[in-house]
PDB file of N, CA and C in Angstrom:
ATOM      1  N   UNK A   1     -23.546  12.619  -0.911  1.00  0.00           N
ATOM      2  CA  UNK A   1     -22.843  11.502  -0.273  1.00  0.00           C
ATOM      3  C   UNK A   1     -22.805  10.333  -1.261  1.00  0.00           C
ATOM      4  N   UNK A   2     -21.622   9.860  -1.556  1.00  0.00           N
ATOM      5  CA  UNK A   2     -21.510   8.785  -2.533  1.00  0.00           C
ATOM      6  C   UNK A   2     -21.921   7.448  -1.916  1.00  0.00           C
ATOM      7  N   UNK A   3     -22.399   6.574  -2.744  1.00  0.00           N
ATOM      8  CA  UNK A   3     -22.822   5.251  -2.280  1.00  0.00           C
ATOM      9  C   UNK A   3     -21.638   4.302  -2.380  1.00  0.00           C
ATOM     10  N   UNK A   4     -20.654   4.524  -1.528  1.00  0.00           N
ATOM     11  CA  UNK A   4     -19.440   3.715  -1.533  1.00  0.00           C
ATOM     12  C   UNK A   4     -19.038   3.436  -0.096  1.00  0.00           C
ATOM     13  N   UNK A   5     -18.684   2.191   0.186  1.00  0.00           N
ATOM     14  CA  UNK A   5     -18.251   1.790   1.526  1.00  0.00           C
ATOM     15  C   UNK A   5     -16.888   2.427   1.803  1.00  0.00           C
ATOM     16  N   UNK A   6     -16.738   3.013   2.997  1.00  0.00           N
ATOM     17  CA  UNK A   6     -15.494   3.700   3.348  1.00  0.00           C
ATOM     18  C   UNK A   6     -14.355   2.730   3.655  1.00  0.00           C
ATOM     19  N   UNK A   7     -14.656   1.490   3.969  1.00  0.00           N
ATOM     20  CA  UNK A   7     -13.611   0.529   4.315  1.00  0.00           C
ATOM     21  C   UNK A   7     -13.250  -0.407   3.167  1.00  0.00           C
ATOM     22  N   UNK A   8     -14.246  -0.914   2.464  1.00  0.00           N
ATOM     23  CA  UNK A   8     -13.972  -1.893   1.408  1.00  0.00           C
ATOM     24  C   UNK A   8     -13.952  -1.290   0.011  1.00  0.00           C
ATOM     25  N   UNK A   9     -14.516  -0.107  -0.148  1.00  0.00           N
ATOM     26  CA  UNK A   9     -14.589   0.503  -1.474  1.00  0.00           C
ATOM     27  C   UNK A   9     -15.710  -0.058  -2.329  1.00  0.00           C
ATOM     28  N   UNK A  10     -16.563  -0.877  -1.741  1.00  0.00           N
ATOM     29  CA  UNK A  10     -17.673  -1.495  -2.475  1.00  0.00           C
ATOM     30  C   UNK A  10     -18.667  -0.409  -2.899  1.00  0.00           C
ATOM     31  N   UNK A  11     -19.037  -0.400  -4.197  1.00  0.00           N
ATOM     32  CA  UNK A  11     -19.944   0.608  -4.730  1.00  0.00           C
ATOM     33  C   UNK A  11     -21.067  -0.021  -5.535  1.00  0.00           C
ATOM     34  N   UNK A  12     -21.860   0.815  -6.211  1.00  0.00           N
ATOM     35  CA  UNK A  12     -22.974   0.293  -7.000  1.00  0.00           C
ATOM     36  C   UNK A  12     -22.498  -0.560  -8.174  1.00  0.00           C
ATOM     37  N   UNK A  13     -23.270  -1.586  -8.486  1.00  0.00           N
ATOM     38  CA  UNK A  13     -23.009  -2.424  -9.655  1.00  0.00           C
ATOM     39  C   UNK A  13     -24.211  -2.312 -10.585  1.00  0.00           C
ATOM     40  N   UNK A  14     -24.021  -2.650 -11.858  1.00  0.00           N
ATOM     41  CA  UNK A  14     -25.133  -2.588 -12.802  1.00  0.00           C
ATOM     42  C   UNK A  14     -25.478  -3.985 -13.279  1.00  0.00           C
ATOM     43  N   UNK A  15     -26.717  -4.109 -13.721  1.00  0.00           N
ATOM     44  CA  UNK A  15     -27.186  -5.383 -14.240  1.00  0.00           C
ATOM     45  C   UNK A  15     -28.498  -5.177 -14.973  1.00  0.00           C
ATOM     46  N   UNK A  16     -29.253  -6.230 -15.125  1.00  0.00           N
ATOM     47  CA  UNK A  16     -30.523  -6.159 -15.835  1.00  0.00           C
ATOM     48  C   UNK A  16     -31.665  -6.687 -14.988  1.00  0.00           C
ATOM     49  N   UNK A  17     -32.837  -6.020 -15.111  1.00  0.00           N
ATOM     50  CA  UNK A  17     -34.088  -6.618 -14.668  1.00  0.00           C
ATOM     51  C   UNK A  17     -34.527  -7.509 -15.822  1.00  0.00           C
ATOM     52  N   UNK A  18     -34.850  -8.741 -15.538  1.00  0.00           N
ATOM     53  CA  UNK A  18     -35.277  -9.652 -16.599  1.00  0.00           C
ATOM     54  C   UNK A  18     -36.710 -10.073 -16.312  1.00  0.00           C
ATOM     55  N   UNK A  19     -37.610  -9.715 -17.217  1.00  0.00           N
ATOM     56  CA  UNK A  19     -39.024 -10.033 -17.032  1.00  0.00           C
ATOM     57  C   UNK A  19     -39.309 -11.485 -17.428  1.00  0.00           C
ATOM     58  N   UNK A  20     -40.540 -11.910 -17.179  1.00  0.00           N
ATOM     59  CA  UNK A  20     -40.950 -13.257 -17.534  1.00  0.00           C
ATOM     60  C   UNK A  20     -40.870 -13.453 -19.053  1.00  0.00           C
ATOM     61  N   UNK A  21     -41.091 -12.368 -19.805  1.00  0.00           N
ATOM     62  CA  UNK A  21     -41.011 -12.417 -21.272  1.00  0.00           C
ATOM     63  C   UNK A  21     -39.571 -12.240 -21.757  1.00  0.00           C
ATOM     64  N   UNK A  22     -38.612 -12.243 -20.811  1.00  0.00           N
ATOM     65  CA  UNK A  22     -37.180 -12.130 -21.096  1.00  0.00           C
ATOM     66  C   UNK A  22     -36.789 -10.750 -21.647  1.00  0.00           C
ATOM     67  N   UNK A  23     -37.607  -9.711 -21.312  1.00  0.00           N
ATOM     68  CA  UNK A  23     -37.223  -8.339 -21.652  1.00  0.00           C
ATOM     69  C   UNK A  23     -36.194  -7.884 -20.626  1.00  0.00           C
ATOM     70  N   UNK A  24     -35.182  -7.172 -21.104  1.00  0.00           N
ATOM     71  CA  UNK A  24     -34.112  -6.730 -20.201  1.00  0.00           C
ATOM     72  C   UNK A  24     -34.078  -5.204 -20.117  1.00  0.00           C
ATOM     73  N   UNK A  25     -34.078  -4.686 -18.897  1.00  0.00           N
ATOM     74  CA  UNK A  25     -33.926  -3.253 -18.669  1.00  0.00           C
ATOM     75  C   UNK A  25     -32.823  -3.054 -17.638  1.00  0.00           C
ATOM     76  N   UNK A  26     -32.051  -1.986 -17.820  1.00  0.00           N
ATOM     77  CA  UNK A  26     -30.916  -1.726 -16.925  1.00  0.00           C
ATOM     78  C   UNK A  26     -31.395  -1.416 -15.510  1.00  0.00           C
ATOM     79  N   UNK A  27     -30.591  -1.808 -14.528  1.00  0.00           N
ATOM     80  CA  UNK A  27     -30.867  -1.502 -13.125  1.00  0.00           C
ATOM     81  C   UNK A  27     -29.555  -1.388 -12.377  1.00  0.00           C
ATOM     82  N   UNK A  28     -29.622  -0.886 -11.146  1.00  0.00           N
ATOM     83  CA  UNK A  28     -28.430  -0.738 -10.303  1.00  0.00           C
ATOM     84  C   UNK A  28     -28.606  -1.568  -9.042  1.00  0.00           C
ATOM     85  N   UNK A  29     -27.527  -2.233  -8.642  1.00  0.00           N
ATOM     86  CA  UNK A  29     -27.486  -2.952  -7.379  1.00  0.00           C
ATOM     87  C   UNK A  29     -26.686  -2.085  -6.408  1.00  0.00           C
ATOM     88  N   UNK A  30     -27.334  -1.532  -5.397  1.00  0.00           N
ATOM     89  CA  UNK A  30     -26.666  -0.647  -4.456  1.00  0.00           C
ATOM     90  C   UNK A  30     -26.157  -1.439  -3.260  1.00  0.00           C
ATOM     91  N   UNK A  31     -25.001  -1.071  -2.712  1.00  0.00           N
ATOM     92  CA  UNK A  31     -24.487  -1.767  -1.528  1.00  0.00           C
ATOM     93  C   UNK A  31     -25.336  -1.427  -0.300  1.00  0.00           C
ATOM     94  N   UNK A  32     -25.371  -2.335   0.654  1.00  0.00           N
ATOM     95  CA  UNK A  32     -26.141  -2.150   1.882  1.00  0.00           C
ATOM     96  C   UNK A  32     -25.311  -1.313   2.857  1.00  0.00           C
ATOM     97  N   UNK A  33     -25.402   0.016   2.725  1.00  0.00           N
ATOM     98  CA  UNK A  33     -24.585   0.911   3.538  1.00  0.00           C
ATOM     99  C   UNK A  33     -25.299   1.315   4.821  1.00  0.00           C
ATOM    100  N   UNK A  34     -24.518   1.396   5.895  1.00  0.00           N
ATOM    101  CA  UNK A  34     -25.033   1.809   7.197  1.00  0.00           C
ATOM    102  C   UNK A  34     -24.118   2.863   7.799  1.00  0.00           C
ATOM    103  N   UNK A  35     -24.709   3.880   8.427  1.00  0.00           N
ATOM    104  CA  UNK A  35     -23.929   4.858   9.183  1.00  0.00           C
ATOM    105  C   UNK A  35     -23.665   4.253  10.551  1.00  0.00           C
ATOM    106  N   UNK A  36     -22.414   3.953  10.846  1.00  0.00           N
ATOM    107  CA  UNK A  36     -22.088   3.306  12.110  1.00  0.00           C
ATOM    108  C   UNK A  36     -20.998   4.068  12.839  1.00  0.00           C
ATOM    109  N   UNK A  37     -20.991   3.940  14.143  1.00  0.00           N
ATOM    110  CA  UNK A  37     -19.941   4.503  14.976  1.00  0.00           C
ATOM    111  C   UNK A  37     -19.174   3.350  15.577  1.00  0.00           C
ATOM    112  N   UNK A  38     -17.907   3.229  15.198  1.00  0.00           N
ATOM    113  CA  UNK A  38     -17.059   2.155  15.697  1.00  0.00           C
ATOM    114  C   UNK A  38     -16.049   2.744  16.673  1.00  0.00           C
ATOM    115  N   UNK A  39     -15.731   2.003  17.716  1.00  0.00           N
ATOM    116  CA  UNK A  39     -14.814   2.493  18.747  1.00  0.00           C
ATOM    117  C   UNK A  39     -13.385   2.038  18.441  1.00  0.00           C
ATOM    118  N   UNK A  40     -12.458   2.995  18.408  1.00  0.00           N
ATOM    119  CA  UNK A  40     -11.048   2.681  18.227  1.00  0.00           C
ATOM    120  C   UNK A  40     -10.405   2.563  19.606  1.00  0.00           C
ATOM    121  N   UNK A  41      -9.862   1.385  19.908  1.00  0.00           N
ATOM    122  CA  UNK A  41      -9.257   1.157  21.224  1.00  0.00           C
ATOM    123  C   UNK A  41      -7.943   1.919  21.363  1.00  0.00           C
ATOM    124  N   UNK A  42      -7.168   2.020  20.289  1.00  0.00           N
ATOM    125  CA  UNK A  42      -5.884   2.719  20.331  1.00  0.00           C
ATOM    126  C   UNK A  42      -6.082   4.216  20.548  1.00  0.00           C
ATOM    127  N   UNK A  43      -7.043   4.796  19.809  1.00  0.00           N
ATOM    128  CA  UNK A  43      -7.286   6.227  19.917  1.00  0.00           C
ATOM    129  C   UNK A  43      -8.156   6.567  21.124  1.00  0.00           C
ATOM    130  N   UNK A  44      -8.922   5.598  21.581  1.00  0.00           N
ATOM    131  CA  UNK A  44      -9.800   5.809  22.737  1.00  0.00           C
ATOM    132  C   UNK A  44     -10.987   6.701  22.437  1.00  0.00           C
ATOM    133  N   UNK A  45     -11.432   6.695  21.195  1.00  0.00           N
ATOM    134  CA  UNK A  45     -12.583   7.523  20.818  1.00  0.00           C
ATOM    135  C   UNK A  45     -13.399   6.826  19.733  1.00  0.00           C
ATOM    136  N   UNK A  46     -14.663   7.212  19.600  1.00  0.00           N
ATOM    137  CA  UNK A  46     -15.486   6.629  18.536  1.00  0.00           C
ATOM    138  C   UNK A  46     -15.178   7.271  17.183  1.00  0.00           C
ATOM    139  N   UNK A  47     -15.371   6.480  16.116  1.00  0.00           N
ATOM    140  CA  UNK A  47     -15.143   6.942  14.745  1.00  0.00           C
ATOM    141  C   UNK A  47     -16.417   6.668  13.957  1.00  0.00           C
ATOM    142  N   UNK A  48     -16.954   7.717  13.302  1.00  0.00           N
ATOM    143  CA  UNK A  48     -18.184   7.582  12.542  1.00  0.00           C
ATOM    144  C   UNK A  48     -17.845   7.265  11.095  1.00  0.00           C
ATOM    145  N   UNK A  49     -18.368   6.154  10.566  1.00  0.00           N
ATOM    146  CA  UNK A  49     -18.093   5.724   9.196  1.00  0.00           C
ATOM    147  C   UNK A  49     -19.378   5.269   8.524  1.00  0.00           C
ATOM    148  N   UNK A  50     -19.384   5.334   7.185  1.00  0.00           N
ATOM    149  CA  UNK A  50     -20.499   4.807   6.383  1.00  0.00           C
ATOM    150  C   UNK A  50     -19.973   3.557   5.696  1.00  0.00           C
ATOM    151  N   UNK A  51     -20.336   2.382   6.237  1.00  0.00           N
ATOM    152  CA  UNK A  51     -19.773   1.135   5.739  1.00  0.00           C
ATOM    153  C   UNK A  51     -20.878   0.144   5.387  1.00  0.00           C
ATOM    154  N   UNK A  52     -20.525  -0.840   4.573  1.00  0.00           N
ATOM    155  CA  UNK A  52     -21.475  -1.870   4.169  1.00  0.00           C
ATOM    156  C   UNK A  52     -21.638  -2.891   5.290  1.00  0.00           C
ATOM    157  N   UNK A  53     -22.719  -3.645   5.232  1.00  0.00           N
ATOM    158  CA  UNK A  53     -22.981  -4.676   6.240  1.00  0.00           C
ATOM    159  C   UNK A  53     -21.903  -5.753   6.198  1.00  0.00           C
ATOM    160  N   UNK A  54     -21.389  -6.051   4.990  1.00  0.00           N
ATOM    161  CA  UNK A  54     -20.325  -7.048   4.855  1.00  0.00           C
ATOM    162  C   UNK A  54     -19.045  -6.551   5.524  1.00  0.00           C
ATOM    163  N   UNK A  55     -18.755  -5.255   5.399  1.00  0.00           N
ATOM    164  CA  UNK A  55     -17.560  -4.690   6.030  1.00  0.00           C
ATOM    165  C   UNK A  55     -17.700  -4.706   7.549  1.00  0.00           C
ATOM    166  N   UNK A  56     -18.899  -4.492   8.034  1.00  0.00           N
ATOM    167  CA  UNK A  56     -19.136  -4.518   9.484  1.00  0.00           C
ATOM    168  C   UNK A  56     -18.854  -5.911  10.045  1.00  0.00           C
ATOM    169  N   UNK A  57     -19.244  -6.941   9.305  1.00  0.00           N
ATOM    170  CA  UNK A  57     -18.954  -8.315   9.722  1.00  0.00           C
ATOM    171  C   UNK A  57     -17.454  -8.582   9.660  1.00  0.00           C
ATOM    172  N   UNK A  58     -16.783  -8.033   8.644  1.00  0.00           N
ATOM    173  CA  UNK A  58     -15.332  -8.218   8.510  1.00  0.00           C
ATOM    174  C   UNK A  58     -14.578  -7.552   9.650  1.00  0.00           C
ATOM    175  N   UNK A  59     -15.020  -6.371  10.059  1.00  0.00           N
ATOM    176  CA  UNK A  59     -14.404  -5.663  11.188  1.00  0.00           C
ATOM    177  C   UNK A  59     -14.553  -6.498  12.450  1.00  0.00           C
ATOM    178  N   UNK A  60     -15.739  -7.052  12.641  1.00  0.00           N
ATOM    179  CA  UNK A  60     -16.003  -7.909  13.796  1.00  0.00           C
ATOM    180  C   UNK A  60     -15.108  -9.157  13.764  1.00  0.00           C
ATOM    181  N   UNK A  61     -14.962  -9.745  12.585  1.00  0.00           N
ATOM    182  CA  UNK A  61     -14.186 -10.977  12.427  1.00  0.00           C
ATOM    183  C   UNK A  61     -12.699 -10.752  12.703  1.00  0.00           C
ATOM    184  N   UNK A  62     -12.171  -9.605  12.275  1.00  0.00           N
ATOM    185  CA  UNK A  62     -10.738  -9.318  12.449  1.00  0.00           C
ATOM    186  C   UNK A  62     -10.387  -8.818  13.843  1.00  0.00           C
ATOM    187  N   UNK A  63     -11.390  -8.553  14.671  1.00  0.00           N
ATOM    188  CA  UNK A  63     -11.100  -8.160  16.045  1.00  0.00           C
ATOM    189  C   UNK A  63     -11.142  -6.669  16.305  1.00  0.00           C
ATOM    190  N   UNK A  64     -11.966  -5.939  15.565  1.00  0.00           N
ATOM    191  CA  UNK A  64     -12.139  -4.524  15.831  1.00  0.00           C
ATOM    192  C   UNK A  64     -11.637  -3.634  14.712  1.00  0.00           C
ATOM    193  N   UNK A  65     -11.952  -2.355  14.856  1.00  0.00           N
ATOM    194  CA  UNK A  65     -11.621  -1.373  13.829  1.00  0.00           C
ATOM    195  C   UNK A  65     -10.116  -1.221  13.648  1.00  0.00           C
ATOM    196  N   UNK A  66      -9.365  -1.185  14.742  1.00  0.00           N
ATOM    197  CA  UNK A  66      -7.915  -0.986  14.653  1.00  0.00           C
ATOM    198  C   UNK A  66      -7.247  -2.104  13.853  1.00  0.00           C
ATOM    199  N   UNK A  67      -7.585  -3.341  14.173  1.00  0.00           N
ATOM    200  CA  UNK A  67      -6.993  -4.493  13.487  1.00  0.00           C
ATOM    201  C   UNK A  67      -7.377  -4.495  12.011  1.00  0.00           C
ATOM    202  N   UNK A  68      -8.620  -4.130  11.707  1.00  0.00           N
ATOM    203  CA  UNK A  68      -9.077  -4.109  10.319  1.00  0.00           C
ATOM    204  C   UNK A  68      -8.314  -3.064   9.517  1.00  0.00           C
ATOM    205  N   UNK A  69      -8.203  -1.849  10.057  1.00  0.00           N
ATOM    206  CA  UNK A  69      -7.547  -0.763   9.328  1.00  0.00           C
ATOM    207  C   UNK A  69      -6.061  -1.023   9.116  1.00  0.00           C
ATOM    208  N   UNK A  70      -5.401  -1.627  10.098  1.00  0.00           N
ATOM    209  CA  UNK A  70      -3.972  -1.891   9.957  1.00  0.00           C
ATOM    210  C   UNK A  70      -3.689  -2.913   8.864  1.00  0.00           C
ATOM    211  N   UNK A  71      -4.646  -3.828   8.633  1.00  0.00           N
ATOM    212  CA  UNK A  71      -4.481  -4.864   7.613  1.00  0.00           C
ATOM    213  C   UNK A  71      -4.976  -4.425   6.237  1.00  0.00           C
ATOM    214  N   UNK A  72      -5.834  -3.392   6.187  1.00  0.00           N
ATOM    215  CA  UNK A  72      -6.472  -2.969   4.935  1.00  0.00           C
ATOM    216  C   UNK A  72      -5.496  -2.238   4.021  1.00  0.00           C
ATOM    217  N   UNK A  73      -5.726  -2.356   2.712  1.00  0.00           N
ATOM    218  CA  UNK A  73      -4.922  -1.647   1.720  1.00  0.00           C
ATOM    219  C   UNK A  73      -5.392  -0.192   1.647  1.00  0.00           C
ATOM    220  N   UNK A  74      -4.431   0.707   1.485  1.00  0.00           N
ATOM    221  CA  UNK A  74      -4.755   2.137   1.447  1.00  0.00           C
ATOM    222  C   UNK A  74      -5.636   2.501   0.257  1.00  0.00           C
ATOM    223  N   UNK A  75      -5.507   1.793  -0.844  1.00  0.00           N
ATOM    224  CA  UNK A  75      -6.280   2.095  -2.056  1.00  0.00           C
ATOM    225  C   UNK A  75      -7.777   1.871  -1.848  1.00  0.00           C
ATOM    226  N   UNK A  76      -8.150   0.942  -0.980  1.00  0.00           N
ATOM    227  CA  UNK A  76      -9.564   0.635  -0.746  1.00  0.00           C
ATOM    228  C   UNK A  76     -10.217   1.623   0.213  1.00  0.00           C
ATOM    229  N   UNK A  77      -9.430   2.253   1.085  1.00  0.00           N
ATOM    230  CA  UNK A  77      -9.977   3.099   2.138  1.00  0.00           C
ATOM    231  C   UNK A  77     -10.325   4.493   1.635  1.00  0.00           C
ATOM    232  N   UNK A  78     -11.352   5.102   2.258  1.00  0.00           N
ATOM    233  CA  UNK A  78     -11.718   6.477   1.935  1.00  0.00           C
ATOM    234  C   UNK A  78     -10.738   7.427   2.620  1.00  0.00           C
ATOM    235  N   UNK A  79     -10.844   8.710   2.305  1.00  0.00           N
ATOM    236  CA  UNK A  79      -9.966   9.713   2.919  1.00  0.00           C
ATOM    237  C   UNK A  79     -10.136   9.740   4.437  1.00  0.00           C
ATOM    238  N   UNK A  80     -11.386   9.650   4.871  1.00  0.00           N
ATOM    239  CA  UNK A  80     -11.688   9.658   6.307  1.00  0.00           C
ATOM    240  C   UNK A  80     -11.072   8.448   7.013  1.00  0.00           C
ATOM    241  N   UNK A  81     -11.210   7.280   6.409  1.00  0.00           N
ATOM    242  CA  UNK A  81     -10.659   6.057   6.997  1.00  0.00           C
ATOM    243  C   UNK A  81      -9.134   6.085   6.986  1.00  0.00           C
ATOM    244  N   UNK A  82      -8.526   6.686   5.956  1.00  0.00           N
ATOM    245  CA  UNK A  82      -7.067   6.804   5.892  1.00  0.00           C
ATOM    246  C   UNK A  82      -6.532   7.687   7.017  1.00  0.00           C
ATOM    247  N   UNK A  83      -7.256   8.775   7.327  1.00  0.00           N
ATOM    248  CA  UNK A  83      -6.852   9.652   8.432  1.00  0.00           C
ATOM    249  C   UNK A  83      -6.863   8.890   9.745  1.00  0.00           C
ATOM    250  N   UNK A  84      -7.906   8.074   9.947  1.00  0.00           N
ATOM    251  CA  UNK A  84      -8.013   7.284  11.178  1.00  0.00           C
ATOM    252  C   UNK A  84      -6.888   6.260  11.238  1.00  0.00           C
ATOM    253  N   UNK A  85      -6.589   5.613  10.101  1.00  0.00           N
ATOM    254  CA  UNK A  85      -5.518   4.610  10.057  1.00  0.00           C
ATOM    255  C   UNK A  85      -4.174   5.232  10.415  1.00  0.00           C
ATOM    256  N   UNK A  86      -3.882   6.409   9.848  1.00  0.00           N
ATOM    257  CA  UNK A  86      -2.616   7.078  10.141  1.00  0.00           C
ATOM    258  C   UNK A  86      -2.536   7.517  11.596  1.00  0.00           C
ATOM    259  N   UNK A  87      -3.670   7.937  12.164  1.00  0.00           N
ATOM    260  CA  UNK A  87      -3.697   8.331  13.576  1.00  0.00           C
ATOM    261  C   UNK A  87      -3.446   7.125  14.476  1.00  0.00           C
ATOM    262  N   UNK A  88      -3.968   5.957  14.091  1.00  0.00           N
ATOM    263  CA  UNK A  88      -3.760   4.729  14.864  1.00  0.00           C
ATOM    264  C   UNK A  88      -2.289   4.322  14.807  1.00  0.00           C
ATOM    265  N   UNK A  89      -1.696   4.377  13.616  1.00  0.00           N
ATOM    266  CA  UNK A  89      -0.279   4.016  13.472  1.00  0.00           C
ATOM    267  C   UNK A  89       0.593   4.962  14.294  1.00  0.00           C
ATOM    268  N   UNK A  90       0.276   6.252  14.262  1.00  0.00           N
ATOM    269  CA  UNK A  90       1.043   7.245  15.020  1.00  0.00           C
ATOM    270  C   UNK A  90       0.896   7.019  16.524  1.00  0.00           C
ATOM    271  N   UNK A  91      -0.309   6.704  16.980  1.00  0.00           N
ATOM    272  CA  UNK A  91      -0.552   6.462  18.409  1.00  0.00           C
ATOM    273  C   UNK A  91       0.163   5.206  18.882  1.00  0.00           C
ATOM    274  N   UNK A  92       0.192   4.171  18.030  1.00  0.00           N
ATOM    275  CA  UNK A  92       0.885   2.933  18.409  1.00  0.00           C
ATOM    276  C   UNK A  92       2.398   3.122  18.431  1.00  0.00           C
ATOM    277  N   UNK A  93       2.932   3.970  17.558  1.00  0.00           N
ATOM    278  CA  UNK A  93       4.368   4.213  17.506  1.00  0.00           C
ATOM    279  C   UNK A  93       4.839   4.983  18.731  1.00  0.00           C
ATOM    280  N   UNK A  94       4.001   5.914  19.197  1.00  0.00           N
ATOM    281  CA  UNK A  94       4.398   6.720  20.357  1.00  0.00           C
ATOM    282  C   UNK A  94       4.191   5.981  21.672  1.00  0.00           C
ATOM    283  N   UNK A  95       3.348   4.970  21.675  1.00  0.00           N
ATOM    284  CA  UNK A  95       3.079   4.229  22.926  1.00  0.00           C
ATOM    285  C   UNK A  95       4.085   3.131  23.183  1.00  0.00           C
TER     286      UNK A  95
END
């Protein structure tokens, strides 16, 4: 399982540990990923995603998973999130 947010595309970053003696060693900054189940109102079912804590706040701020996915760029979304987005668009078109 890759350490990448399914909604924002946020992944690991690199940097340095810097000691008191100013010695530098490489390190990785990992995103704060959580396995969450978000409810899609359009589809009427829960969707399981692995997203960062920042993305979870963004989903809340935009008014739910459906609103977030409709506004999100396709390049940032994972394959799983893209399938959900297309299903939401299809459900809204038929309704």
